[in-house]
Amino acid sequence: MKKNFSVNVTAKQVYRRKLFRKIVKTVFLFLIVVLSITYLFLYILYDEGNFTVSLDKNMANRNNIYLSEDGKTKSVELSAESIDYMDNISIHWIPKDVDTEKDGSHNGTNYIAYSFYVMNAGKETVNYWYEIDIDDTIKNVDKAIRIMIYQNGVPTVYAKMNEETKEPEADTEAFYSSNIAVLEQRLKFKPGDKDRYTIVIWIEGDDPDCTNDLLGGEIKLRMDFTEEHIK
């Protein structure tokens, strides 16, 4: 009887080992799948760069409104060149001629700069909205990000509102919301008009929230041009 009892215990131990290995293998495969999906998502999210510009196709189809990187060719989507690393700088380090030095991407040391055009090739005067969305941010880097928009040579700087004072940072316009940095309307865009935009993005070293906690952070921004703003 003792011998048979010993054999039964060994069989249970073998079964438990097999079950444990099966569970470990299943969990391991599950983690591989999750990591693969996460990697694919992040790859797709950041593959087009840190800043993209798109136009509502209805504006192109109905009103002949187009984007252009050189002021001649017509497009409904543009993409700026990204930079691998961005350290904090001051707005005073950005060249004074950053708006006019070049069309397309002209990034500098620790900042993204992208110039392009919106063209009215139609026959009607229209109004349009432009919006910069924060698609994704890692380690709250948006706290110290600055976005400067030159519209036909006139610059405006946008930043996230100071969390302590609940006031805009010095010499900036506050972000429209937590995930919309900029929301503005362009009125009376006439046939033949060509608006020039330069977008400059950097991390402001003088921002109180620019701390070591932001190291390793990333941000993904998208600019959309639409005929109407939908809340």
Protein backbone atom coordinates (compact mmCIF):
# COMPACT_ATOMS: atom_id res chain seq x y z
CA MET A 1 0.00 0.00 0.00
CA LYS A 2 2.83 2.41 0.80
CA LYS A 3 4.48 1.68 -2.53
CA ASN A 4 1.31 2.41 -4.49
CA PHE A 5 0.77 5.60 -2.49
CA SER A 6 4.32 6.76 -3.38
CA VAL A 7 3.69 6.17 -7.10
CA ASN A 8 0.47 8.22 -6.98
CA VAL A 9 2.28 11.21 -5.37
CA THR A 10 5.01 11.13 -8.05
CA ALA A 11 2.42 11.15 -10.82
CA LYS A 12 0.75 14.19 -9.30
CA GLN A 13 4.11 15.96 -9.07
CA VAL A 14 4.84 15.28 -12.73
CA TYR A 15 1.40 16.58 -13.70
CA ARG A 16 1.89 19.72 -11.66
CA ARG A 17 5.30 20.34 -13.27
CA LYS A 18 3.81 19.96 -16.74
CA LEU A 19 0.92 22.26 -15.84
CA PHE A 20 3.33 24.84 -14.41
CA ARG A 21 5.50 24.75 -17.53
CA LYS A 22 2.43 25.10 -19.71
CA ILE A 23 1.24 28.13 -17.72
CA VAL A 24 4.71 29.75 -17.85
CA LYS A 25 4.92 29.15 -21.60
CA THR A 26 1.45 30.63 -22.14
CA VAL A 27 2.25 33.71 -20.05
CA PHE A 28 5.57 34.14 -21.86
CA LEU A 29 3.91 33.99 -25.29
CA PHE A 30 1.22 36.41 -24.11
CA LEU A 31 3.88 38.92 -23.00
CA ILE A 32 5.65 38.61 -26.34
CA VAL A 33 2.40 39.36 -28.15
CA VAL A 34 1.67 42.37 -25.90
CA LEU A 35 5.19 43.77 -26.33
CA SER A 36 5.03 43.25 -30.09
CA ILE A 37 1.71 45.09 -30.33
CA THR A 38 3.04 47.91 -28.14
CA TYR A 39 6.18 48.21 -30.26
CA LEU A 40 4.13 48.24 -33.47
CA PHE A 41 1.81 50.92 -32.07
CA LEU A 42 4.71 53.15 -31.05
CA TYR A 43 6.47 52.54 -34.37
CA ILE A 44 3.38 53.60 -36.31
CA LEU A 45 2.81 56.55 -33.98
CA TYR A 46 6.32 57.97 -34.34
CA ASP A 47 7.26 56.69 -37.81
CA GLU A 48 6.01 59.88 -39.49
CA GLY A 49 8.10 62.10 -37.26
CA ASN A 50 7.33 64.36 -34.34
CA PHE A 51 5.24 66.85 -36.33
CA THR A 52 2.81 66.34 -39.20
CA VAL A 53 0.45 68.70 -41.04
CA SER A 54 -2.79 67.57 -42.68
CA LEU A 55 -5.64 69.24 -44.53
CA ASP A 56 -9.31 68.30 -44.42
CA LYS A 57 -9.82 66.69 -47.83
CA ASN A 58 -13.22 68.36 -48.11
CA MET A 59 -11.46 71.73 -48.24
CA ALA A 60 -9.41 70.55 -51.20
CA ASN A 61 -12.33 68.96 -52.99
CA ARG A 62 -14.89 71.71 -52.44
CA ASN A 63 -12.81 74.88 -52.20
CA ASN A 64 -9.46 74.06 -53.82
CA ILE A 65 -7.52 74.80 -50.63
CA TYR A 66 -4.11 73.11 -50.52
CA LEU A 67 -0.97 72.72 -48.46
CA SER A 68 2.43 73.23 -50.03
CA GLU A 69 5.98 72.90 -48.81
CA ASP A 70 7.43 75.15 -51.50
CA GLY A 71 4.48 77.42 -52.32
CA LYS A 72 3.92 75.75 -55.70
CA THR A 73 3.16 72.03 -55.42
CA LYS A 74 -0.20 71.00 -53.98
CA SER A 75 -0.68 68.50 -51.16
CA VAL A 76 -3.11 67.57 -48.40
CA GLU A 77 -0.48 66.18 -46.01
CA LEU A 78 3.03 67.22 -45.01
CA SER A 79 5.58 65.81 -42.57
CA ALA A 80 8.47 67.58 -40.89
CA GLU A 81 11.82 65.95 -40.31
CA SER A 82 12.24 64.78 -36.72
CA ILE A 83 15.32 65.10 -34.52
CA ASP A 84 16.70 62.29 -32.40
CA TYR A 85 17.48 64.37 -29.32
CA MET A 86 16.25 67.70 -27.98
CA ASP A 87 17.90 69.42 -25.01
CA ASN A 88 16.38 72.46 -23.33
CA ILE A 89 17.24 75.85 -24.81
CA SER A 90 16.04 79.46 -24.56
CA ILE A 91 13.84 81.19 -27.07
CA HIS A 92 16.68 83.71 -27.42
CA TRP A 93 18.87 80.96 -28.95
CA ILE A 94 16.54 80.50 -31.91
CA PRO A 95 17.70 82.47 -34.99
CA LYS A 96 15.83 85.69 -35.67
CA ASP A 97 15.36 84.68 -39.31
CA VAL A 98 13.98 81.22 -38.53
CA ASP A 99 10.73 82.15 -40.28
CA THR A 100 12.33 83.15 -43.57
CA GLU A 101 15.54 81.15 -43.86
CA LYS A 102 14.08 78.20 -45.77
CA ASP A 103 10.94 76.34 -46.85
CA GLY A 104 10.22 72.86 -45.49
CA SER A 105 12.27 71.40 -42.64
CA HIS A 106 15.13 73.50 -41.32
CA ASN A 107 15.71 72.13 -37.83
CA GLY A 108 18.45 73.59 -35.69
CA THR A 109 20.32 72.47 -32.61
CA ASN A 110 17.65 71.29 -30.15
CA TYR A 111 14.62 72.66 -31.99
CA ILE A 112 12.26 71.65 -34.80
CA ALA A 113 11.48 74.25 -37.48
CA TYR A 114 9.11 73.66 -40.37
CA SER A 115 7.82 76.18 -42.94
CA PHE A 116 4.96 75.63 -45.40
CA TYR A 117 2.05 77.34 -47.13
CA VAL A 118 -1.73 77.19 -47.25
CA MET A 119 -2.98 78.24 -50.71
CA ASN A 120 -6.42 79.25 -51.92
CA ALA A 121 -6.54 78.03 -55.52
CA GLY A 122 -10.33 78.32 -55.66
CA LYS A 123 -12.77 81.08 -56.56
CA GLU A 124 -14.38 81.71 -53.17
CA THR A 125 -13.38 83.49 -49.98
CA VAL A 126 -13.40 81.02 -47.08
CA ASN A 127 -12.66 80.82 -43.38
CA TYR A 128 -10.58 78.00 -41.93
CA TRP A 129 -9.42 76.70 -38.57
CA TYR A 130 -5.94 75.50 -37.70
CA GLU A 131 -5.35 73.25 -34.72
CA ILE A 132 -2.27 71.62 -33.17
CA ASP A 133 -3.12 68.44 -31.29
CA ILE A 134 -0.95 66.62 -28.76
CA ASP A 135 -1.28 63.03 -29.96
CA ASP A 136 1.04 61.57 -27.36
CA THR A 137 3.41 62.72 -24.64
CA ILE A 138 5.85 60.71 -22.55
CA LYS A 139 7.05 61.78 -19.08
CA ASN A 140 4.95 64.98 -19.21
CA VAL A 141 7.41 66.71 -21.52
CA ASP A 142 4.54 68.93 -22.70
CA LYS A 143 4.93 70.88 -19.44
CA ALA A 144 8.00 72.67 -20.80
CA ILE A 145 7.32 72.53 -24.54
CA ARG A 146 7.03 75.76 -26.51
CA ILE A 147 5.29 76.03 -29.88
CA MET A 148 5.93 79.20 -31.85
CA ILE A 149 3.73 79.82 -34.88
CA TYR A 150 4.66 82.42 -37.47
CA GLN A 151 1.59 83.27 -39.53
CA ASN A 152 2.59 85.52 -42.42
CA GLY A 153 5.58 86.75 -40.44
CA VAL A 154 3.77 87.38 -37.14
CA PRO A 155 4.92 85.07 -34.29
CA THR A 156 2.86 83.76 -31.37
CA VAL A 157 4.27 81.46 -28.69
CA TYR A 158 2.07 78.85 -27.00
CA ALA A 159 2.78 76.91 -23.79
CA LYS A 160 0.99 74.82 -21.22
CA MET A 161 -0.52 76.89 -18.42
CA ASN A 162 1.49 77.08 -15.21
CA GLU A 163 0.00 74.47 -12.86
CA GLU A 164 0.77 76.43 -9.70
CA THR A 165 -0.32 79.94 -10.67
CA LYS A 166 -3.04 78.83 -13.14
CA GLU A 167 -1.76 81.60 -15.40
CA PRO A 168 -0.08 81.48 -18.83
CA GLU A 169 3.71 81.29 -18.82
CA ALA A 170 5.50 84.59 -19.45
CA ASP A 171 5.09 85.94 -23.00
CA THR A 172 2.95 83.01 -24.14
CA GLU A 173 -0.61 82.10 -24.99
CA ALA A 174 -1.92 79.17 -22.92
CA PHE A 175 -2.66 75.82 -24.56
CA TYR A 176 -6.30 75.57 -25.56
CA SER A 177 -6.80 72.35 -23.55
CA SER A 178 -4.93 69.33 -22.20
CA ASN A 179 -4.71 67.68 -25.63
CA ILE A 180 -5.14 70.68 -27.96
CA ALA A 181 -2.21 73.07 -27.89
CA VAL A 182 -3.46 75.58 -30.45
CA LEU A 183 -6.87 76.40 -31.90
CA GLU A 184 -7.22 79.49 -34.08
CA GLN A 185 -9.39 80.70 -36.96
CA ARG A 186 -8.26 82.40 -40.16
CA LEU A 187 -10.97 84.68 -41.55
CA LYS A 188 -11.52 85.91 -45.12
CA PHE A 189 -9.01 83.72 -46.94
CA LYS A 190 -9.45 85.10 -50.45
CA PRO A 191 -8.85 83.44 -53.86
CA GLY A 192 -5.15 83.67 -54.71
CA ASP A 193 -4.14 84.18 -51.07
CA LYS A 194 -1.16 82.24 -49.78
CA ASP A 195 -0.57 82.01 -46.02
CA ARG A 196 2.94 81.16 -44.91
CA TYR A 197 3.41 79.26 -41.64
CA THR A 198 6.56 78.44 -39.73
CA ILE A 199 6.23 76.13 -36.73
CA VAL A 200 9.08 76.07 -34.20
CA ILE A 201 9.07 73.54 -31.34
CA TRP A 202 11.54 73.41 -28.47
CA ILE A 203 11.89 72.72 -24.73
CA GLU A 204 12.11 76.00 -22.85
CA GLY A 205 14.91 75.87 -20.29
CA ASP A 206 13.53 78.87 -18.39
CA ASP A 207 10.23 77.12 -17.73
CA PRO A 208 9.87 76.21 -14.02
CA ASP A 209 8.68 72.73 -15.06
CA CYS A 210 11.85 72.06 -17.07
CA THR A 211 13.44 69.60 -14.63
CA ASN A 212 15.39 66.36 -14.83
CA ASP A 213 12.08 64.49 -14.57
CA LEU A 214 11.54 65.25 -18.27
CA LEU A 215 14.68 63.39 -19.36
CA GLY A 216 13.79 60.68 -21.87
CA GLY A 217 10.44 62.27 -22.67
CA GLU A 218 8.88 62.45 -26.13
CA ILE A 219 6.02 64.30 -27.74
CA LYS A 220 3.99 63.78 -30.92
CA LEU A 221 2.19 66.77 -32.43
CA ARG A 222 -0.19 67.07 -35.36
CA MET A 223 -1.47 70.21 -37.10
CA ASP A 224 -4.85 70.06 -38.85
CA PHE A 225 -6.53 72.57 -41.14
CA THR A 226 -10.31 72.29 -41.31
CA GLU A 227 -13.21 74.30 -42.66
CA GLU A 228 -15.08 74.09 -39.37
CA HIS A 229 -14.01 73.31 -35.83
CA ILE A 230 -15.94 70.47 -34.24
CA LYS A 231 -15.74 70.31 -30.45
